[in-house]
PDB file of N, CA and C in Angstrom:
ATOM      1  N   MET A   1      89.586 129.729 112.200  1.00  0.00           N
ATOM      2  CA  MET A   1      90.740 128.870 112.106  1.00  0.00           C
ATOM      3  C   MET A   1      90.314 127.430 112.361  1.00  0.00           C
ATOM      4  N   THR A   2      90.778 126.521 111.534  1.00  0.00           N
ATOM      5  CA  THR A   2      90.454 125.108 111.734  1.00  0.00           C
ATOM      6  C   THR A   2      91.672 124.367 112.252  1.00  0.00           C
ATOM      7  N   THR A   3      91.406 123.315 112.954  1.00  0.00           N
ATOM      8  CA  THR A   3      92.475 122.460 113.474  1.00  0.00           C
ATOM      9  C   THR A   3      92.418 121.149 112.733  1.00  0.00           C
ATOM     10  N   ASP A   4      93.567 120.626 112.387  1.00  0.00           N
ATOM     11  CA  ASP A   4      93.633 119.367 111.662  1.00  0.00           C
ATOM     12  C   ASP A   4      94.441 118.372 112.484  1.00  0.00           C
ATOM     13  N   THR A   5      93.985 117.133 112.512  1.00  0.00           N
ATOM     14  CA  THR A   5      94.718 116.082 113.208  1.00  0.00           C
ATOM     15  C   THR A   5      95.456 115.261 112.173  1.00  0.00           C
ATOM     16  N   THR A   6      96.749 115.106 112.349  1.00  0.00           N
ATOM     17  CA  THR A   6      97.535 114.289 111.448  1.00  0.00           C
ATOM     18  C   THR A   6      97.927 113.010 112.152  1.00  0.00           C
ATOM     19  N   THR A   7      98.450 112.087 111.372  1.00  0.00           N
ATOM     20  CA  THR A   7      98.847 110.804 111.939  1.00  0.00           C
ATOM     21  C   THR A   7      99.839 110.989 113.079  1.00  0.00           C
ATOM     22  N   SER A   8     100.741 111.955 112.979  1.00  0.00           N
ATOM     23  CA  SER A   8     101.746 112.149 114.021  1.00  0.00           C
ATOM     24  C   SER A   8     101.133 112.641 115.329  1.00  0.00           C
ATOM     25  N   ASP A   9      99.929 113.191 115.286  1.00  0.00           N
ATOM     26  CA  ASP A   9      99.262 113.668 116.494  1.00  0.00           C
ATOM     27  C   ASP A   9      98.538 112.556 117.246  1.00  0.00           C
ATOM     28  N   ARG A  10      98.367 111.416 116.623  1.00  0.00           N
ATOM     29  CA  ARG A  10      97.609 110.332 117.238  1.00  0.00           C
ATOM     30  C   ARG A  10      98.436 109.643 118.304  1.00  0.00           C
ATOM     31  N   ARG A  11      97.717 109.094 119.272  1.00  0.00           N
ATOM     32  CA  ARG A  11      98.405 108.371 120.328  1.00  0.00           C
ATOM     33  C   ARG A  11      98.940 107.055 119.791  1.00  0.00           C
ATOM     34  N   THR A  12      99.839 106.447 120.519  1.00  0.00           N
ATOM     35  CA  THR A  12     100.393 105.179 120.077  1.00  0.00           C
ATOM     36  C   THR A  12      99.377 104.062 120.302  1.00  0.00           C
ATOM     37  N   VAL A  13      99.551 102.965 119.578  1.00  0.00           N
ATOM     38  CA  VAL A  13      98.657 101.817 119.691  1.00  0.00           C
ATOM     39  C   VAL A  13      98.916 101.113 121.013  1.00  0.00           C
ATOM     40  N   ASP A  14      97.860 100.911 121.791  1.00  0.00           N
ATOM     41  CA  ASP A  14      97.983 100.240 123.069  1.00  0.00           C
ATOM     42  C   ASP A  14      97.620  98.773 122.979  1.00  0.00           C
ATOM     43  N   GLU A  15      96.654  98.442 122.113  1.00  0.00           N
ATOM     44  CA  GLU A  15      96.220  97.060 122.032  1.00  0.00           C
ATOM     45  C   GLU A  15      95.512  96.792 120.711  1.00  0.00           C
ATOM     46  N   THR A  16      95.366  95.514 120.411  1.00  0.00           N
ATOM     47  CA  THR A  16      94.600  95.083 119.250  1.00  0.00           C
ATOM     48  C   THR A  16      93.251  94.591 119.743  1.00  0.00           C
ATOM     49  N   ILE A  17      92.187  95.095 119.143  1.00  0.00           N
ATOM     50  CA  ILE A  17      90.816  94.750 119.517  1.00  0.00           C
ATOM     51  C   ILE A  17      90.257  93.775 118.480  1.00  0.00           C
ATOM     52  N   THR A  18      89.714  92.666 118.934  1.00  0.00           N
ATOM     53  CA  THR A  18      89.024  91.728 118.049  1.00  0.00           C
ATOM     54  C   THR A  18      87.556  92.114 117.996  1.00  0.00           C
ATOM     55  N   VAL A  19      87.040  92.292 116.788  1.00  0.00           N
ATOM     56  CA  VAL A  19      85.671  92.750 116.583  1.00  0.00           C
ATOM     57  C   VAL A  19      84.717  91.559 116.446  1.00  0.00           C
ATOM     58  N   CYS A  20      85.029  90.653 115.525  1.00  0.00           N
ATOM     59  CA  CYS A  20      84.174  89.506 115.247  1.00  0.00           C
ATOM     60  C   CYS A  20      84.893  88.586 114.273  1.00  0.00           C
ATOM     61  N   ARG A  21      84.291  87.453 113.963  1.00  0.00           N
ATOM     62  CA  ARG A  21      84.800  86.586 112.902  1.00  0.00           C
ATOM     63  C   ARG A  21      84.588  87.306 111.566  1.00  0.00           C
ATOM     64  N   ALA A  22      85.468  87.105 110.637  1.00  0.00           N
ATOM     65  CA  ALA A  22      85.402  87.802 109.351  1.00  0.00           C
ATOM     66  C   ALA A  22      84.074  87.568 108.631  1.00  0.00           C
ATOM     67  N   GLU A  23      83.548  86.347 108.702  1.00  0.00           N
ATOM     68  CA  GLU A  23      82.288  86.049 108.005  1.00  0.00           C
ATOM     69  C   GLU A  23      81.081  86.737 108.648  1.00  0.00           C
ATOM     70  N   GLU A  24      81.237  87.257 109.850  1.00  0.00           N
ATOM     71  CA  GLU A  24      80.142  87.958 110.533  1.00  0.00           C
ATOM     72  C   GLU A  24      80.045  89.429 110.142  1.00  0.00           C
ATOM     73  N   LEU A  25      80.971  89.912 109.291  1.00  0.00           N
ATOM     74  CA  LEU A  25      80.949  91.302 108.839  1.00  0.00           C
ATOM     75  C   LEU A  25      81.078  91.317 107.317  1.00  0.00           C
ATOM     76  N   PRO A  26      79.972  91.061 106.611  1.00  0.00           N
ATOM     77  CA  PRO A  26      80.026  91.020 105.143  1.00  0.00           C
ATOM     78  C   PRO A  26      80.231  92.417 104.545  1.00  0.00           C
ATOM     79  N   GLN A  27      80.580  92.457 103.275  1.00  0.00           N
ATOM     80  CA  GLN A  27      80.747  93.728 102.584  1.00  0.00           C
ATOM     81  C   GLN A  27      79.458  94.536 102.690  1.00  0.00           C
ATOM     82  N   GLY A  28      79.610  95.843 102.928  1.00  0.00           N
ATOM     83  CA  GLY A  28      78.474  96.738 103.063  1.00  0.00           C
ATOM     84  C   GLY A  28      77.912  96.796 104.468  1.00  0.00           C
ATOM     85  N   ALA A  29      78.537  96.079 105.402  1.00  0.00           N
ATOM     86  CA  ALA A  29      78.036  96.032 106.782  1.00  0.00           C
ATOM     87  C   ALA A  29      78.926  96.836 107.724  1.00  0.00           C
ATOM     88  N   MET A  30      78.385  97.084 108.920  1.00  0.00           N
ATOM     89  CA  MET A  30      79.087  97.802 109.959  1.00  0.00           C
ATOM     90  C   MET A  30      78.872  97.073 111.270  1.00  0.00           C
ATOM     91  N   ARG A  31      79.871  97.120 112.122  1.00  0.00           N
ATOM     92  CA  ARG A  31      79.765  96.548 113.468  1.00  0.00           C
ATOM     93  C   ARG A  31      80.217  97.633 114.439  1.00  0.00           C
ATOM     94  N   LEU A  32      79.400  97.904 115.439  1.00  0.00           N
ATOM     95  CA  LEU A  32      79.721  98.906 116.462  1.00  0.00           C
ATOM     96  C   LEU A  32      80.223  98.183 117.701  1.00  0.00           C
ATOM     97  N   ILE A  33      81.371  98.617 118.186  1.00  0.00           N
ATOM     98  CA  ILE A  33      81.911  98.018 119.405  1.00  0.00           C
ATOM     99  C   ILE A  33      82.352  99.130 120.357  1.00  0.00           C
ATOM    100  N   GLU A  34      82.591  98.746 121.583  1.00  0.00           N
ATOM    101  CA  GLU A  34      83.091  99.699 122.569  1.00  0.00           C
ATOM    102  C   GLU A  34      84.474  99.261 123.009  1.00  0.00           C
ATOM    103  N   ALA A  35      85.396 100.203 123.044  1.00  0.00           N
ATOM    104  CA  ALA A  35      86.768  99.938 123.478  1.00  0.00           C
ATOM    105  C   ALA A  35      87.181 101.047 124.430  1.00  0.00           C
ATOM    106  N   ASP A  36      87.509 100.681 125.636  1.00  0.00           N
ATOM    107  CA  ASP A  36      87.976 101.645 126.624  1.00  0.00           C
ATOM    108  C   ASP A  36      86.980 102.798 126.803  1.00  0.00           C
ATOM    109  N   GLY A  37      85.675 102.459 126.792  1.00  0.00           N
ATOM    110  CA  GLY A  37      84.643 103.470 126.999  1.00  0.00           C
ATOM    111  C   GLY A  37      84.293 104.296 125.775  1.00  0.00           C
ATOM    112  N   ARG A  38      84.928 104.027 124.629  1.00  0.00           N
ATOM    113  CA  ARG A  38      84.640 104.757 123.392  1.00  0.00           C
ATOM    114  C   ARG A  38      83.988 103.826 122.395  1.00  0.00           C
ATOM    115  N   LYS A  39      83.041 104.351 121.636  1.00  0.00           N
ATOM    116  CA  LYS A  39      82.398 103.555 120.589  1.00  0.00           C
ATOM    117  C   LYS A  39      83.160 103.745 119.284  1.00  0.00           C
ATOM    118  N   ILE A  40      83.369 102.609 118.607  1.00  0.00           N
ATOM    119  CA  ILE A  40      84.092 102.581 117.339  1.00  0.00           C
ATOM    120  C   ILE A  40      83.237 101.821 116.332  1.00  0.00           C
ATOM    121  N   GLY A  41      83.031 102.405 115.156  1.00  0.00           N
ATOM    122  CA  GLY A  41      82.326 101.736 114.078  1.00  0.00           C
ATOM    123  C   GLY A  41      83.333 101.093 113.143  1.00  0.00           C
ATOM    124  N   VAL A  42      83.149  99.807 112.854  1.00  0.00           N
ATOM    125  CA  VAL A  42      84.026  99.094 111.931  1.00  0.00           C
ATOM    126  C   VAL A  42      83.206  98.789 110.683  1.00  0.00           C
ATOM    127  N   PHE A  43      83.651  99.302 109.547  1.00  0.00           N
ATOM    128  CA  PHE A  43      82.918  99.222 108.287  1.00  0.00           C
ATOM    129  C   PHE A  43      83.654  98.333 107.296  1.00  0.00           C
ATOM    130  N   HIS A  44      82.897  97.524 106.552  1.00  0.00           N
ATOM    131  CA  HIS A  44      83.434  96.678 105.485  1.00  0.00           C
ATOM    132  C   HIS A  44      82.874  97.234 104.181  1.00  0.00           C
ATOM    133  N   THR A  45      83.713  97.887 103.398  1.00  0.00           N
ATOM    134  CA  THR A  45      83.246  98.592 102.207  1.00  0.00           C
ATOM    135  C   THR A  45      83.080  97.653 101.019  1.00  0.00           C
ATOM    136  N   ASP A  46      82.501  98.193  99.948  1.00  0.00           N
ATOM    137  CA  ASP A  46      82.186  97.414  98.752  1.00  0.00           C
ATOM    138  C   ASP A  46      83.410  96.773  98.111  1.00  0.00           C
ATOM    139  N   ASP A  47      84.577  97.401  98.256  1.00  0.00           N
ATOM    140  CA  ASP A  47      85.791  96.857  97.644  1.00  0.00           C
ATOM    141  C   ASP A  47      86.506  95.856  98.549  1.00  0.00           C
ATOM    142  N   GLY A  48      85.894  95.537  99.686  1.00  0.00           N
ATOM    143  CA  GLY A  48      86.468  94.549 100.593  1.00  0.00           C
ATOM    144  C   GLY A  48      87.381  95.120 101.658  1.00  0.00           C
ATOM    145  N   ALA A  49      87.577  96.432 101.669  1.00  0.00           N
ATOM    146  CA  ALA A  49      88.444  97.068 102.663  1.00  0.00           C
ATOM    147  C   ALA A  49      87.710  97.216 103.994  1.00  0.00           C
ATOM    148  N   LEU A  50      88.479  97.256 105.063  1.00  0.00           N
ATOM    149  CA  LEU A  50      87.940  97.450 106.410  1.00  0.00           C
ATOM    150  C   LEU A  50      88.442  98.776 106.970  1.00  0.00           C
ATOM    151  N   TYR A  51      87.533  99.494 107.622  1.00  0.00           N
ATOM    152  CA  TYR A  51      87.880 100.774 108.236  1.00  0.00           C
ATOM    153  C   TYR A  51      87.242 100.861 109.604  1.00  0.00           C
ATOM    154  N   ALA A  52      87.983 101.404 110.553  1.00  0.00           N
ATOM    155  CA  ALA A  52      87.455 101.638 111.900  1.00  0.00           C
ATOM    156  C   ALA A  52      87.536 103.129 112.171  1.00  0.00           C
ATOM    157  N   ILE A  53      86.418 103.699 112.641  1.00  0.00           N
ATOM    158  CA  ILE A  53      86.331 105.139 112.845  1.00  0.00           C
ATOM    159  C   ILE A  53      85.566 105.416 114.133  1.00  0.00           C
ATOM    160  N   GLU A  54      85.993 106.439 114.813  1.00  0.00           N
ATOM    161  CA  GLU A  54      85.324 106.863 116.035  1.00  0.00           C
ATOM    162  C   GLU A  54      83.850 107.137 115.749  1.00  0.00           C
ATOM    163  N   ASP A  55      82.970 106.642 116.592  1.00  0.00           N
ATOM    164  CA  ASP A  55      81.522 106.805 116.395  1.00  0.00           C
ATOM    165  C   ASP A  55      81.060 108.116 117.023  1.00  0.00           C
ATOM    166  N   ARG A  56      81.587 109.222 116.457  1.00  0.00           N
ATOM    167  CA  ARG A  56      81.262 110.523 117.022  1.00  0.00           C
ATOM    168  C   ARG A  56      81.461 111.590 115.960  1.00  0.00           C
ATOM    169  N   CYS A  57      80.376 112.207 115.558  1.00  0.00           N
ATOM    170  CA  CYS A  57      80.487 113.324 114.619  1.00  0.00           C
ATOM    171  C   CYS A  57      81.175 114.489 115.334  1.00  0.00           C
ATOM    172  N   SER A  58      82.153 115.071 114.684  1.00  0.00           N
ATOM    173  CA  SER A  58      82.879 116.186 115.303  1.00  0.00           C
ATOM    174  C   SER A  58      82.057 117.469 115.356  1.00  0.00           C
ATOM    175  N   HIS A  59      80.910 117.493 114.684  1.00  0.00           N
ATOM    176  CA  HIS A  59      80.040 118.666 114.710  1.00  0.00           C
ATOM    177  C   HIS A  59      79.215 118.727 115.989  1.00  0.00           C
ATOM    178  N   ASP A  60      78.554 117.597 116.339  1.00  0.00           N
ATOM    179  CA  ASP A  60      77.697 117.637 117.540  1.00  0.00           C
ATOM    180  C   ASP A  60      77.686 116.315 118.308  1.00  0.00           C
ATOM    181  N   ASP A  61      78.732 115.527 118.124  1.00  0.00           N
ATOM    182  CA  ASP A  61      78.875 114.243 118.822  1.00  0.00           C
ATOM    183  C   ASP A  61      77.801 113.229 118.442  1.00  0.00           C
ATOM    184  N   GLY A  62      77.182 113.383 117.293  1.00  0.00           N
ATOM    185  CA  GLY A  62      76.172 112.435 116.826  1.00  0.00           C
ATOM    186  C   GLY A  62      76.787 111.077 116.519  1.00  0.00           C
ATOM    187  N   PRO A  63      75.971 110.033 116.462  1.00  0.00           N
ATOM    188  CA  PRO A  63      76.442 108.662 116.237  1.00  0.00           C
ATOM    189  C   PRO A  63      76.696 108.370 114.750  1.00  0.00           C
ATOM    190  N   LEU A  64      77.935 108.468 114.306  1.00  0.00           N
ATOM    191  CA  LEU A  64      78.257 108.232 112.894  1.00  0.00           C
ATOM    192  C   LEU A  64      77.871 106.838 112.433  1.00  0.00           C
ATOM    193  N   ALA A  65      78.036 105.847 113.288  1.00  0.00           N
ATOM    194  CA  ALA A  65      77.767 104.464 112.884  1.00  0.00           C
ATOM    195  C   ALA A  65      76.304 104.232 112.532  1.00  0.00           C
ATOM    196  N   GLU A  66      75.414 105.104 112.961  1.00  0.00           N
ATOM    197  CA  GLU A  66      74.002 104.989 112.601  1.00  0.00           C
ATOM    198  C   GLU A  66      73.715 105.596 111.234  1.00  0.00           C
ATOM    199  N   GLY A  67      74.727 106.249 110.654  1.00  0.00           N
ATOM    200  CA  GLY A  67      74.543 106.908 109.371  1.00  0.00           C
ATOM    201  C   GLY A  67      74.663 105.950 108.203  1.00  0.00           C
ATOM    202  N   GLU A  68      74.366 106.459 107.023  1.00  0.00           N
ATOM    203  CA  GLU A  68      74.394 105.649 105.808  1.00  0.00           C
ATOM    204  C   GLU A  68      75.820 105.483 105.302  1.00  0.00           C
ATOM    205  N   LEU A  69      76.192 104.235 105.080  1.00  0.00           N
ATOM    206  CA  LEU A  69      77.494 103.899 104.517  1.00  0.00           C
ATOM    207  C   LEU A  69      77.412 103.945 102.999  1.00  0.00           C
ATOM    208  N   ASP A  70      78.352 104.641 102.381  1.00  0.00           N
ATOM    209  CA  ASP A  70      78.528 104.573 100.928  1.00  0.00           C
ATOM    210  C   ASP A  70      79.842 103.839 100.721  1.00  0.00           C
ATOM    211  N   GLY A  71      79.749 102.535 100.559  1.00  0.00           N
ATOM    212  CA  GLY A  71      80.937 101.692 100.458  1.00  0.00           C
ATOM    213  C   GLY A  71      81.780 101.983  99.244  1.00  0.00           C
ATOM    214  N   ALA A  72      81.176 102.430  98.158  1.00  0.00           N
ATOM    215  CA  ALA A  72      81.926 102.753  96.947  1.00  0.00           C
ATOM    216  C   ALA A  72      82.730 104.038  97.121  1.00  0.00           C
ATOM    217  N   ALA A  73      82.135 105.022  97.797  1.00  0.00           N
ATOM    218  CA  ALA A  73      82.813 106.300  98.025  1.00  0.00           C
ATOM    219  C   ALA A  73      83.651 106.292  99.296  1.00  0.00           C
ATOM    220  N   CYS A  74      83.506 105.249 100.100  1.00  0.00           N
ATOM    221  CA  CYS A  74      84.249 105.101 101.357  1.00  0.00           C
ATOM    222  C   CYS A  74      83.909 106.231 102.333  1.00  0.00           C
ATOM    223  N   THR A  75      82.583 106.491 102.471  1.00  0.00           N
ATOM    224  CA  THR A  75      82.118 107.535 103.384  1.00  0.00           C
ATOM    225  C   THR A  75      80.972 107.022 104.240  1.00  0.00           C
ATOM    226  N   VAL A  76      80.772 107.710 105.351  1.00  0.00           N
ATOM    227  CA  VAL A  76      79.592 107.500 106.183  1.00  0.00           C
ATOM    228  C   VAL A  76      78.991 108.885 106.419  1.00  0.00           C
ATOM    229  N   GLU A  77      77.649 108.935 106.391  1.00  0.00           N
ATOM    230  CA  GLU A  77      76.947 110.205 106.552  1.00  0.00           C
ATOM    231  C   GLU A  77      76.394 110.311 107.962  1.00  0.00           C
ATOM    232  N   CYS A  78      76.691 111.408 108.640  1.00  0.00           N
ATOM    233  CA  CYS A  78      76.141 111.632 109.973  1.00  0.00           C
ATOM    234  C   CYS A  78      74.619 111.737 109.858  1.00  0.00           C
ATOM    235  N   PRO A  79      73.881 110.943 110.636  1.00  0.00           N
ATOM    236  CA  PRO A  79      72.429 110.944 110.506  1.00  0.00           C
ATOM    237  C   PRO A  79      71.772 112.217 111.038  1.00  0.00           C
ATOM    238  N   ARG A  80      72.471 113.024 111.778  1.00  0.00           N
ATOM    239  CA  ARG A  80      71.859 114.235 112.349  1.00  0.00           C
ATOM    240  C   ARG A  80      71.835 115.413 111.382  1.00  0.00           C
ATOM    241  N   HIS A  81      72.983 115.750 110.809  1.00  0.00           N
ATOM    242  CA  HIS A  81      73.050 116.945 109.974  1.00  0.00           C
ATOM    243  C   HIS A  81      73.683 116.717 108.613  1.00  0.00           C
ATOM    244  N   GLY A  82      73.993 115.458 108.276  1.00  0.00           N
ATOM    245  CA  GLY A  82      74.397 115.120 106.919  1.00  0.00           C
ATOM    246  C   GLY A  82      75.859 115.271 106.555  1.00  0.00           C
ATOM    247  N   SER A  83      76.738 115.566 107.492  1.00  0.00           N
ATOM    248  CA  SER A  83      78.157 115.640 107.141  1.00  0.00           C
ATOM    249  C   SER A  83      78.646 114.278 106.682  1.00  0.00           C
ATOM    250  N   LEU A  84      79.397 114.271 105.599  1.00  0.00           N
ATOM    251  CA  LEU A  84      80.011 113.044 105.102  1.00  0.00           C
ATOM    252  C   LEU A  84      81.426 112.945 105.638  1.00  0.00           C
ATOM    253  N   PHE A  85      81.777 111.773 106.197  1.00  0.00           N
ATOM    254  CA  PHE A  85      83.125 111.552 106.714  1.00  0.00           C
ATOM    255  C   PHE A  85      83.829 110.501 105.881  1.00  0.00           C
ATOM    256  N   ASP A  86      85.074 110.764 105.530  1.00  0.00           N
ATOM    257  CA  ASP A  86      85.906 109.818 104.807  1.00  0.00           C
ATOM    258  C   ASP A  86      86.370 108.751 105.793  1.00  0.00           C
ATOM    259  N   LEU A  87      86.042 107.494 105.536  1.00  0.00           N
ATOM    260  CA  LEU A  87      86.402 106.409 106.443  1.00  0.00           C
ATOM    261  C   LEU A  87      87.905 106.172 106.504  1.00  0.00           C
ATOM    262  N   ARG A  88      88.618 106.542 105.450  1.00  0.00           N
ATOM    263  CA  ARG A  88      90.068 106.324 105.412  1.00  0.00           C
ATOM    264  C   ARG A  88      90.819 107.297 106.295  1.00  0.00           C
ATOM    265  N   THR A  89      90.340 108.531 106.369  1.00  0.00           N
ATOM    266  CA  THR A  89      91.084 109.589 107.062  1.00  0.00           C
ATOM    267  C   THR A  89      90.369 110.149 108.284  1.00  0.00           C
ATOM    268  N   GLY A  90      89.052 109.959 108.361  1.00  0.00           N
ATOM    269  CA  GLY A  90      88.272 110.559 109.429  1.00  0.00           C
ATOM    270  C   GLY A  90      87.919 112.013 109.174  1.00  0.00           C
ATOM    271  N   ARG A  91      88.365 112.550 108.055  1.00  0.00           N
ATOM    272  CA  ARG A  91      88.089 113.960 107.749  1.00  0.00           C
ATOM    273  C   ARG A  91      86.695 114.120 107.158  1.00  0.00           C
ATOM    274  N   PRO A  92      85.988 115.189 107.572  1.00  0.00           N
ATOM    275  CA  PRO A  92      84.683 115.460 106.967  1.00  0.00           C
ATOM    276  C   PRO A  92      84.868 115.974 105.544  1.00  0.00           C
ATOM    277  N   LYS A  93      83.978 115.542 104.661  1.00  0.00           N
ATOM    278  CA  LYS A  93      84.013 115.992 103.273  1.00  0.00           C
ATOM    279  C   LYS A  93      82.991 117.090 103.019  1.00  0.00           C
ATOM    280  N   THR A  94      82.013 117.225 103.943  1.00  0.00           N
ATOM    281  CA  THR A  94      80.986 118.256 103.824  1.00  0.00           C
ATOM    282  C   THR A  94      80.726 118.869 105.198  1.00  0.00           C
ATOM    283  N   HIS A  95      80.133 120.037 105.178  1.00  0.00           N
ATOM    284  CA  HIS A  95      79.765 120.735 106.412  1.00  0.00           C
ATOM    285  C   HIS A  95      78.420 120.222 106.908  1.00  0.00           C
ATOM    286  N   PRO A  96      78.037 120.436 108.153  1.00  0.00           N
ATOM    287  CA  PRO A  96      78.613 121.414 109.066  1.00  0.00           C
ATOM    288  C   PRO A  96      79.863 120.948 109.816  1.00  0.00           C
ATOM    289  N   ALA A  97      80.215 119.676 109.808  1.00  0.00           N
ATOM    290  CA  ALA A  97      81.442 119.241 110.486  1.00  0.00           C
ATOM    291  C   ALA A  97      82.654 119.772 109.728  1.00  0.00           C
ATOM    292  N   TYR A  98      83.695 120.140 110.462  1.00  0.00           N
ATOM    293  CA  TYR A  98      84.922 120.583 109.810  1.00  0.00           C
ATOM    294  C   TYR A  98      86.176 120.027 110.481  1.00  0.00           C
ATOM    295  N   LEU A  99      86.029 119.333 111.599  1.00  0.00           N
ATOM    296  CA  LEU A  99      87.155 118.704 112.264  1.00  0.00           C
ATOM    297  C   LEU A  99      87.123 117.192 112.033  1.00  0.00           C
ATOM    298  N   PRO A 100      88.287 116.570 111.887  1.00  0.00           N
ATOM    299  CA  PRO A 100      88.314 115.115 111.686  1.00  0.00           C
ATOM    300  C   PRO A 100      88.027 114.361 112.978  1.00  0.00           C
ATOM    301  N   VAL A 101      87.676 113.095 112.826  1.00  0.00           N
ATOM    302  CA  VAL A 101      87.534 112.184 113.963  1.00  0.00           C
ATOM    303  C   VAL A 101      88.626 111.130 113.832  1.00  0.00           C
ATOM    304  N   GLU A 102      88.868 110.404 114.896  1.00  0.00           N
ATOM    305  CA  GLU A 102      89.960 109.439 114.904  1.00  0.00           C
ATOM    306  C   GLU A 102      89.611 108.186 114.104  1.00  0.00           C
ATOM    307  N   THR A 103      90.591 107.675 113.397  1.00  0.00           N
ATOM    308  CA  THR A 103      90.464 106.412 112.674  1.00  0.00           C
ATOM    309  C   THR A 103      91.476 105.423 113.236  1.00  0.00           C
ATOM    310  N   PHE A 104      91.257 104.150 112.949  1.00  0.00           N
ATOM    311  CA  PHE A 104      92.106 103.090 113.480  1.00  0.00           C
ATOM    312  C   PHE A 104      92.393 102.084 112.373  1.00  0.00           C
ATOM    313  N   GLU A 105      93.557 101.491 112.400  1.00  0.00           N
ATOM    314  CA  GLU A 105      93.969 100.493 111.411  1.00  0.00           C
ATOM    315  C   GLU A 105      93.163  99.214 111.606  1.00  0.00           C
ATOM    316  N   ALA A 106      92.387  98.810 110.595  1.00  0.00           N
ATOM    317  CA  ALA A 106      91.554  97.608 110.678  1.00  0.00           C
ATOM    318  C   ALA A 106      92.025  96.585 109.650  1.00  0.00           C
ATOM    319  N   ARG A 107      91.798  95.293 109.959  1.00  0.00           N
ATOM    320  CA  ARG A 107      92.270  94.235 109.079  1.00  0.00           C
ATOM    321  C   ARG A 107      91.615  92.905 109.443  1.00  0.00           C
ATOM    322  N   ILE A 108      91.807  91.910 108.589  1.00  0.00           N
ATOM    323  CA  ILE A 108      91.438  90.532 108.905  1.00  0.00           C
ATOM    324  C   ILE A 108      92.737  89.795 109.218  1.00  0.00           C
ATOM    325  N   GLU A 109      92.737  89.162 110.368  1.00  0.00           N
ATOM    326  CA  GLU A 109      93.920  88.424 110.822  1.00  0.00           C
ATOM    327  C   GLU A 109      93.444  87.143 111.501  1.00  0.00           C
ATOM    328  N   GLY A 110      93.931  86.016 111.023  1.00  0.00           N
ATOM    329  CA  GLY A 110      93.526  84.741 111.616  1.00  0.00           C
ATOM    330  C   GLY A 110      92.025  84.494 111.523  1.00  0.00           C
ATOM    331  N   GLY A 111      91.385  85.000 110.459  1.00  0.00           N
ATOM    332  CA  GLY A 111      89.954  84.800 110.276  1.00  0.00           C
ATOM    333  C   GLY A 111      89.085  85.715 111.106  1.00  0.00           C
ATOM    334  N   GLU A 112      89.695  86.710 111.772  1.00  0.00           N
ATOM    335  CA  GLU A 112      88.949  87.640 112.626  1.00  0.00           C
ATOM    336  C   GLU A 112      89.191  89.086 112.187  1.00  0.00           C
ATOM    337  N   VAL A 113      88.153  89.912 112.332  1.00  0.00           N
ATOM    338  CA  VAL A 113      88.278  91.330 112.073  1.00  0.00           C
ATOM    339  C   VAL A 113      88.881  91.958 113.327  1.00  0.00           C
ATOM    340  N   LYS A 114      89.962  92.735 113.129  1.00  0.00           N
ATOM    341  CA  LYS A 114      90.655  93.358 114.254  1.00  0.00           C
ATOM    342  C   LYS A 114      91.011  94.785 113.899  1.00  0.00           C
ATOM    343  N   PHE A 115      91.240  95.595 114.921  1.00  0.00           N
ATOM    344  CA  PHE A 115      91.803  96.915 114.700  1.00  0.00           C
ATOM    345  C   PHE A 115      92.724  97.267 115.850  1.00  0.00           C
ATOM    346  N   ASP A 116      93.674  98.146 115.538  1.00  0.00           N
ATOM    347  CA  ASP A 116      94.630  98.608 116.539  1.00  0.00           C
ATOM    348  C   ASP A 116      94.067  99.825 117.232  1.00  0.00           C
ATOM    349  N   TYR A 117      94.035  99.755 118.552  1.00  0.00           N
ATOM    350  CA  TYR A 117      93.444 100.831 119.345  1.00  0.00           C
ATOM    351  C   TYR A 117      94.505 101.431 120.243  1.00  0.00           C
TER     352      TYR A 117
END
């Protein structure tokens, strides 16, 4: 049996986190930050979209942010065992991971990259 996390299961937004100036995160880049003791990877994809995702593979807690970003497909590959995670939803697209990880709303506001945490 698998468990799925939906938007309604997520906690409410407590604060907005500023990551960096927008020009410091070009397309195809990632910035890793820590918020409330958790690591979050913020990715700027090829189409100019921003995504923030928990830096933890649901398979073995590996560091997703160290994996390869495919900005066109909007995925990041876990460097340990190769699971692909969708940056938009946090859901794994390939095994061995089968549980989603948390994602956060990311954007550019006032010339800064931010996400709601």
